């Protein structure tokens, strides 16, 4: 147990150091005073708009999770889903890796005292599939954004990127169709993915809901720019957002801090915008997201209720 605690602490400290090192490097490279001045002028009206949008994001995400669980035969009360989602988002913000909150969701549900043994696997897989559906849509949006950006890459490179994406989708579709017949963990995940994500009924709904959730992340980033008074035209800023947000899933920092800002500085500079603006917006976005997840700390302090699942009769 002591070894595990020390290992976890070392894991946390390494990612904290990575975030800190990248932020220090950016401070040396850019005008940190300009970033601080912009952050000091955050407008309350735009902050309120971001927090309101985050509520919509959580409600829609919790509904998506509930729907996914329901497709696997698990009854997840919506109020519990909302509480657990806030808790997961908060944990993802304060613990390195960006997925600990979701792991906690899956673990808590699988270990719930009232969960039927047969429902424990689907409970875990519902969390995996719900998160994956959003990440896949965000990845697609990011690739499309890169193709639209004036990055100086030739048509051949853009064609290659597009062909690669189509190939990945094709391989994934073939895997879903051909695999999943055995009793392995991966086989069970593939079978549940077909049931919860890829039927004629579930796919359109899952796709639309995931697009809505991804849109809330993108719009929050745009609001972050407005919050600190950066007036980059909307259609110039829009394709820059999702590539930056995708970097946050790289599990080398805490909640994407450092990697997000560093990539934003590079990306803004590559399209002829001021790198300091990209960093300032990214920092503002990080603060807005952290603020929006604070209800999760209340759930944690009060003791998150044990999730109740009901297996089908």
Protein backbone atom coordinates (compact mmCIF):
# COMPACT_ATOMS: atom_id res chain seq x y z
CA UNK A 1 0.00 0.00 0.00
CA UNK A 2 2.84 2.38 0.92
CA UNK A 3 4.53 1.66 -2.41
CA UNK A 4 1.29 2.43 -4.25
CA UNK A 5 0.88 5.72 -2.41
CA UNK A 6 4.45 6.73 -3.20
CA UNK A 7 4.05 5.67 -6.82
CA UNK A 8 0.85 7.69 -7.14
CA UNK A 9 2.51 10.72 -5.56
CA UNK A 10 5.47 10.43 -7.94
CA UNK A 11 3.02 10.13 -10.86
CA UNK A 12 1.30 13.34 -9.73
CA UNK A 13 4.56 15.23 -9.15
CA UNK A 14 6.00 14.33 -12.57
CA UNK A 15 2.95 15.74 -14.35
CA UNK A 16 2.91 18.78 -12.12
CA UNK A 17 6.55 19.42 -13.03
CA UNK A 18 5.81 18.99 -16.75
CA UNK A 19 2.96 21.52 -16.57
CA UNK A 20 5.11 23.93 -14.57
CA UNK A 21 8.13 23.57 -16.87
CA UNK A 22 6.11 24.26 -20.02
CA UNK A 23 4.43 27.28 -18.45
CA UNK A 24 7.82 28.66 -17.33
CA UNK A 25 9.21 28.16 -20.85
CA UNK A 26 6.25 30.08 -22.28
CA UNK A 27 6.77 32.84 -19.72
CA UNK A 28 10.39 33.18 -20.87
CA UNK A 29 9.43 33.11 -24.56
CA UNK A 30 6.41 35.40 -24.43
CA UNK A 31 5.37 38.58 -22.66
CA UNK A 32 3.90 37.15 -19.47
CA UNK A 33 2.86 40.63 -18.41
CA UNK A 34 0.55 40.89 -21.41
CA UNK A 35 -1.06 37.56 -20.53
CA UNK A 36 -1.54 38.67 -16.93
CA UNK A 37 -3.04 41.99 -18.01
CA UNK A 38 -5.56 40.26 -20.25
CA UNK A 39 -6.52 37.78 -17.53
CA UNK A 40 -6.96 40.65 -15.10
CA UNK A 41 -9.64 42.10 -17.39
CA UNK A 42 -11.88 39.04 -17.46
CA UNK A 43 -15.45 40.21 -17.99
CA UNK A 44 -18.02 38.81 -15.51
CA UNK A 45 -20.79 38.67 -18.13
CA UNK A 46 -18.77 36.35 -20.37
CA UNK A 47 -17.65 34.28 -17.37
CA UNK A 48 -21.31 33.81 -16.45
CA UNK A 49 -22.09 32.77 -20.02
CA UNK A 50 -19.33 30.15 -19.90
CA UNK A 51 -20.61 28.76 -16.59
CA UNK A 52 -24.15 28.56 -17.94
CA UNK A 53 -22.89 26.73 -21.01
CA UNK A 54 -20.96 24.32 -18.79
CA UNK A 55 -24.23 23.42 -17.07
CA UNK A 56 -25.72 22.54 -20.45
CA UNK A 57 -22.60 20.52 -21.21
CA UNK A 58 -22.87 18.48 -18.01
CA UNK A 59 -26.60 17.85 -18.40
CA UNK A 60 -26.24 16.67 -22.00
CA UNK A 61 -23.17 14.57 -21.18
CA UNK A 62 -24.93 12.96 -18.21
CA UNK A 63 -27.91 12.18 -20.44
CA UNK A 64 -25.58 10.59 -23.00
CA UNK A 65 -24.07 8.42 -20.29
CA UNK A 66 -27.52 7.43 -19.01
CA UNK A 67 -28.64 6.59 -22.54
CA UNK A 68 -25.50 4.52 -23.21
CA UNK A 69 -25.94 2.63 -19.94
CA UNK A 70 -29.60 2.04 -20.77
CA UNK A 71 -28.64 0.50 -24.11
CA UNK A 72 -26.59 -2.01 -22.12
CA UNK A 73 -29.49 -2.86 -19.82
CA UNK A 74 -28.49 -0.66 -16.86
CA UNK A 75 -30.88 1.81 -15.27
CA UNK A 76 -28.92 4.93 -14.27
CA UNK A 77 -30.95 7.71 -12.59
CA UNK A 78 -30.35 11.05 -14.29
CA UNK A 79 -29.73 12.91 -11.01
CA UNK A 80 -27.04 10.41 -10.06
CA UNK A 81 -25.48 10.69 -13.51
CA UNK A 82 -25.25 14.48 -13.13
CA UNK A 83 -23.62 14.21 -9.68
CA UNK A 84 -21.15 11.61 -10.84
CA UNK A 85 -20.32 13.60 -13.96
CA UNK A 86 -19.53 16.72 -11.94
CA UNK A 87 -17.37 14.64 -9.60
CA UNK A 88 -15.52 13.05 -12.53
CA UNK A 89 -14.90 16.42 -14.19
CA UNK A 90 -13.52 17.86 -10.95
CA UNK A 91 -11.20 14.90 -10.40
CA UNK A 92 -10.00 15.16 -14.00
CA UNK A 93 -9.04 18.77 -13.30
CA UNK A 94 -7.04 18.18 -10.12
CA UNK A 95 -5.51 14.74 -10.72
CA UNK A 96 -2.96 14.12 -13.49
CA UNK A 97 -3.88 12.18 -16.60
CA UNK A 98 -7.27 13.69 -17.38
CA UNK A 99 -9.11 10.37 -17.09
CA UNK A 100 -8.98 9.60 -13.37
CA UNK A 101 -12.48 10.98 -12.86
CA UNK A 102 -13.84 8.68 -15.55
CA UNK A 103 -11.93 5.74 -14.12
CA UNK A 104 -13.50 6.61 -10.77
CA UNK A 105 -16.95 6.62 -12.37
CA UNK A 106 -16.39 3.18 -13.84
CA UNK A 107 -14.84 1.75 -10.68
CA UNK A 108 -17.52 3.13 -8.35
CA UNK A 109 -20.30 1.77 -10.50
CA UNK A 110 -18.71 -1.62 -10.93
CA UNK A 111 -18.07 -1.90 -7.19
CA UNK A 112 -21.46 -0.60 -6.09
CA UNK A 113 -22.94 -2.86 -3.45
CA UNK A 114 -26.28 -2.98 -5.24
CA UNK A 115 -24.90 -3.70 -8.67
CA UNK A 116 -25.78 -7.14 -9.94
CA UNK A 117 -22.63 -9.11 -10.69
CA UNK A 118 -23.69 -9.56 -14.31
CA UNK A 119 -24.11 -5.79 -14.69
CA UNK A 120 -20.65 -4.80 -13.47
CA UNK A 121 -18.98 -5.28 -16.84
CA UNK A 122 -21.61 -3.27 -18.74
CA UNK A 123 -21.40 -0.55 -16.06
CA UNK A 124 -17.69 -0.10 -16.75
CA UNK A 125 -18.09 -0.35 -20.51
CA UNK A 126 -20.88 2.24 -20.50
CA UNK A 127 -18.40 4.80 -19.12
CA UNK A 128 -15.73 3.79 -21.63
CA UNK A 129 -18.10 4.01 -24.59
CA UNK A 130 -19.69 7.27 -23.45
CA UNK A 131 -16.31 8.94 -23.15
CA UNK A 132 -15.01 7.40 -26.37
CA UNK A 133 -17.98 8.64 -28.41
CA UNK A 134 -17.18 12.22 -27.47
CA UNK A 135 -13.43 11.84 -28.03
CA UNK A 136 -13.96 10.36 -31.50
CA UNK A 137 -16.18 13.26 -32.56
CA UNK A 138 -13.69 15.77 -31.14
CA UNK A 139 -10.90 14.03 -33.06
CA UNK A 140 -12.87 14.19 -36.31
CA UNK A 141 -13.57 17.89 -35.79
CA UNK A 142 -9.88 18.50 -35.04
CA UNK A 143 -8.77 16.76 -38.25
CA UNK A 144 -11.27 18.71 -40.33
CA UNK A 145 -10.06 21.91 -38.68
CA UNK A 146 -6.43 21.15 -39.54
CA UNK A 147 -7.43 20.63 -43.17
CA UNK A 148 -9.08 24.06 -43.19
CA UNK A 149 -6.25 25.95 -41.50
CA UNK A 150 -3.75 27.94 -43.62
CA UNK A 151 -0.76 26.03 -42.26
CA UNK A 152 1.25 26.07 -45.47
CA UNK A 153 0.94 22.33 -46.03
CA UNK A 154 0.34 21.22 -49.59
CA UNK A 155 -2.71 19.59 -51.08
CA UNK A 156 -0.93 16.23 -51.07
CA UNK A 157 -0.48 16.39 -47.29
CA UNK A 158 -4.12 17.32 -46.80
CA UNK A 159 -5.19 14.49 -49.08
CA UNK A 160 -2.97 12.12 -47.12
CA UNK A 161 -4.47 13.20 -43.81
CA UNK A 162 -7.97 12.77 -45.17
CA UNK A 163 -7.15 9.34 -46.61
CA UNK A 164 -5.65 8.27 -43.28
CA UNK A 165 -8.78 9.28 -41.41
CA UNK A 166 -10.98 7.40 -43.88
CA UNK A 167 -8.72 4.37 -43.53
CA UNK A 168 -8.92 4.45 -39.73
CA UNK A 169 -12.72 4.69 -39.91
CA UNK A 170 -12.79 1.79 -42.37
CA UNK A 171 -10.60 -0.41 -40.16
CA UNK A 172 -12.71 0.47 -37.14
CA UNK A 173 -15.91 -0.39 -38.98
CA UNK A 174 -14.47 -3.74 -40.13
CA UNK A 175 -13.34 -4.50 -36.57
CA UNK A 176 -16.78 -3.77 -35.17
CA UNK A 177 -18.39 -5.95 -37.80
CA UNK A 178 -16.03 -8.92 -37.74
CA UNK A 179 -14.76 -9.05 -34.18
CA UNK A 180 -16.42 -9.36 -30.81
CA UNK A 181 -17.52 -12.97 -31.15
CA UNK A 182 -15.32 -14.35 -28.37
CA UNK A 183 -15.74 -13.99 -24.64
CA UNK A 184 -12.75 -11.71 -24.07
CA UNK A 185 -12.91 -8.28 -22.47
CA UNK A 186 -12.29 -6.65 -25.86
CA UNK A 187 -14.93 -8.84 -27.43
CA UNK A 188 -17.47 -7.72 -24.84
CA UNK A 189 -16.52 -4.08 -25.41
CA UNK A 190 -16.97 -4.42 -29.18
CA UNK A 191 -20.34 -6.12 -28.77
CA UNK A 192 -21.52 -3.40 -26.40
CA UNK A 193 -20.21 -0.72 -28.77
CA UNK A 194 -22.31 -2.17 -31.55
CA UNK A 195 -25.35 -2.18 -29.27
CA UNK A 196 -24.94 1.26 -27.69
CA UNK A 197 -23.36 3.25 -30.51
CA UNK A 198 -23.82 1.69 -33.92
CA UNK A 199 -27.38 0.48 -34.40
CA UNK A 200 -29.73 2.34 -36.74
CA UNK A 201 -31.46 3.78 -33.69
CA UNK A 202 -28.49 4.65 -31.49
CA UNK A 203 -25.91 5.95 -33.98
CA UNK A 204 -27.76 9.10 -35.14
CA UNK A 205 -28.67 10.01 -31.57
CA UNK A 206 -25.19 9.35 -30.16
CA UNK A 207 -23.58 11.30 -32.98
CA UNK A 208 -25.85 14.34 -32.62
CA UNK A 209 -25.51 14.41 -28.83
CA UNK A 210 -21.71 14.11 -29.05
CA UNK A 211 -21.62 16.94 -31.60
CA UNK A 212 -23.61 19.07 -29.15
CA UNK A 213 -21.19 18.25 -26.32
CA UNK A 214 -18.13 18.96 -28.48
CA UNK A 215 -19.74 22.23 -29.57
CA UNK A 216 -20.03 23.33 -25.95
CA UNK A 217 -16.28 22.82 -25.49
CA UNK A 218 -15.49 24.77 -28.65
CA UNK A 219 -17.87 27.62 -27.83
CA UNK A 220 -16.46 27.81 -24.29
CA UNK A 221 -13.02 28.38 -25.81
CA UNK A 222 -14.44 31.14 -28.01
CA UNK A 223 -16.10 32.66 -24.95
CA UNK A 224 -12.72 32.54 -23.18
CA UNK A 225 -11.35 34.80 -25.92
CA UNK A 226 -14.25 37.20 -25.46
CA UNK A 227 -13.81 37.10 -21.69
CA UNK A 228 -10.33 38.60 -21.89
CA UNK A 229 -11.12 41.03 -24.70
CA UNK A 230 -9.45 39.28 -27.65
CA UNK A 231 -11.45 40.12 -30.77
CA UNK A 232 -10.13 37.54 -33.23
CA UNK A 233 -12.86 37.05 -35.87
CA UNK A 234 -15.07 34.06 -35.08
CA UNK A 235 -14.39 32.16 -38.30
CA UNK A 236 -10.64 32.71 -37.89
CA UNK A 237 -10.67 31.47 -34.31
CA UNK A 238 -13.06 28.54 -34.80
CA UNK A 239 -10.77 26.09 -36.67
CA UNK A 240 -7.98 26.72 -34.16
CA UNK A 241 -9.96 25.52 -31.17
CA UNK A 242 -10.42 21.76 -31.52
CA UNK A 243 -6.75 20.97 -32.35
CA UNK A 244 -5.79 22.77 -29.14
CA UNK A 245 -8.42 20.96 -27.08
CA UNK A 246 -7.33 17.56 -28.41
CA UNK A 247 -3.86 18.09 -26.91
CA UNK A 248 -5.45 18.08 -23.45
CA UNK A 249 -5.98 14.32 -23.63
CA UNK A 250 -2.20 13.73 -23.73
CA UNK A 251 -1.61 12.30 -20.23
CA UNK A 252 1.61 14.14 -19.38
CA UNK A 253 0.27 17.13 -17.44
CA UNK A 254 -2.48 18.10 -15.02
CA UNK A 255 -5.75 18.85 -16.86
CA UNK A 256 -3.81 19.77 -20.00
CA UNK A 257 -2.07 22.76 -18.41
CA UNK A 258 1.11 23.59 -20.26
CA UNK A 259 0.59 21.35 -23.28
CA UNK A 260 -2.57 23.24 -24.22
CA UNK A 261 -0.89 26.63 -23.89
CA UNK A 262 2.29 25.55 -25.64
CA UNK A 263 0.45 24.10 -28.62
CA UNK A 264 -1.77 27.20 -28.81
CA UNK A 265 1.30 29.44 -28.98
CA UNK A 266 2.73 27.38 -31.84
CA UNK A 267 -0.57 27.11 -33.71
CA UNK A 268 -1.41 30.81 -33.39
CA UNK A 269 2.03 31.75 -34.67
CA UNK A 270 1.77 29.31 -37.59
CA UNK A 271 -1.36 31.06 -38.93
CA UNK A 272 -0.03 34.59 -38.47
CA UNK A 273 -1.68 35.42 -35.15
CA UNK A 274 0.04 36.55 -31.96
CA UNK A 275 1.23 33.53 -29.93
CA UNK A 276 0.59 35.46 -26.72
CA UNK A 277 -3.09 35.64 -27.64
CA UNK A 278 -3.28 31.87 -28.01
CA UNK A 279 -1.66 31.38 -24.61
CA UNK A 280 -3.90 33.95 -22.92
CA UNK A 281 -7.07 32.38 -24.35
CA UNK A 282 -5.90 28.91 -23.34
CA UNK A 283 -5.20 30.02 -19.77
CA UNK A 284 -8.58 31.74 -19.58
CA UNK A 285 -10.22 28.58 -20.91
CA UNK A 286 -8.46 26.47 -18.29
CA UNK A 287 -9.64 28.79 -15.51
CA UNK A 288 -13.22 28.75 -16.80
CA UNK A 289 -13.24 24.95 -16.98
CA UNK A 290 -11.78 24.63 -13.48
CA UNK A 291 -14.39 27.05 -12.14
CA UNK A 292 -17.20 25.17 -13.88
CA UNK A 293 -16.18 21.88 -12.25
CA UNK A 294 -16.24 23.18 -8.66
CA UNK A 295 -19.71 21.69 -8.00
CA UNK A 296 -17.87 18.38 -8.22
CA UNK A 297 -15.84 19.36 -5.16
CA UNK A 298 -19.11 19.79 -3.26
CA UNK A 299 -20.19 16.30 -4.34
CA UNK A 300 -16.82 15.00 -3.17
CA UNK A 301 -17.02 16.84 0.18
CA UNK A 302 -20.55 15.66 0.86
CA UNK A 303 -19.71 12.12 -0.15
CA UNK A 304 -20.90 11.15 -3.61
CA UNK A 305 -23.90 8.88 -3.41
CA UNK A 306 -23.40 5.30 -4.44
CA UNK A 307 -24.75 4.84 -7.93
CA UNK A 308 -27.67 2.43 -8.13
CA UNK A 309 -27.99 0.22 -11.16
CA UNK A 310 -30.79 -2.13 -11.89
CA UNK A 311 -30.20 -5.13 -14.08
CA UNK A 312 -32.94 -6.10 -16.48
CA UNK A 313 -35.42 -8.69 -15.27
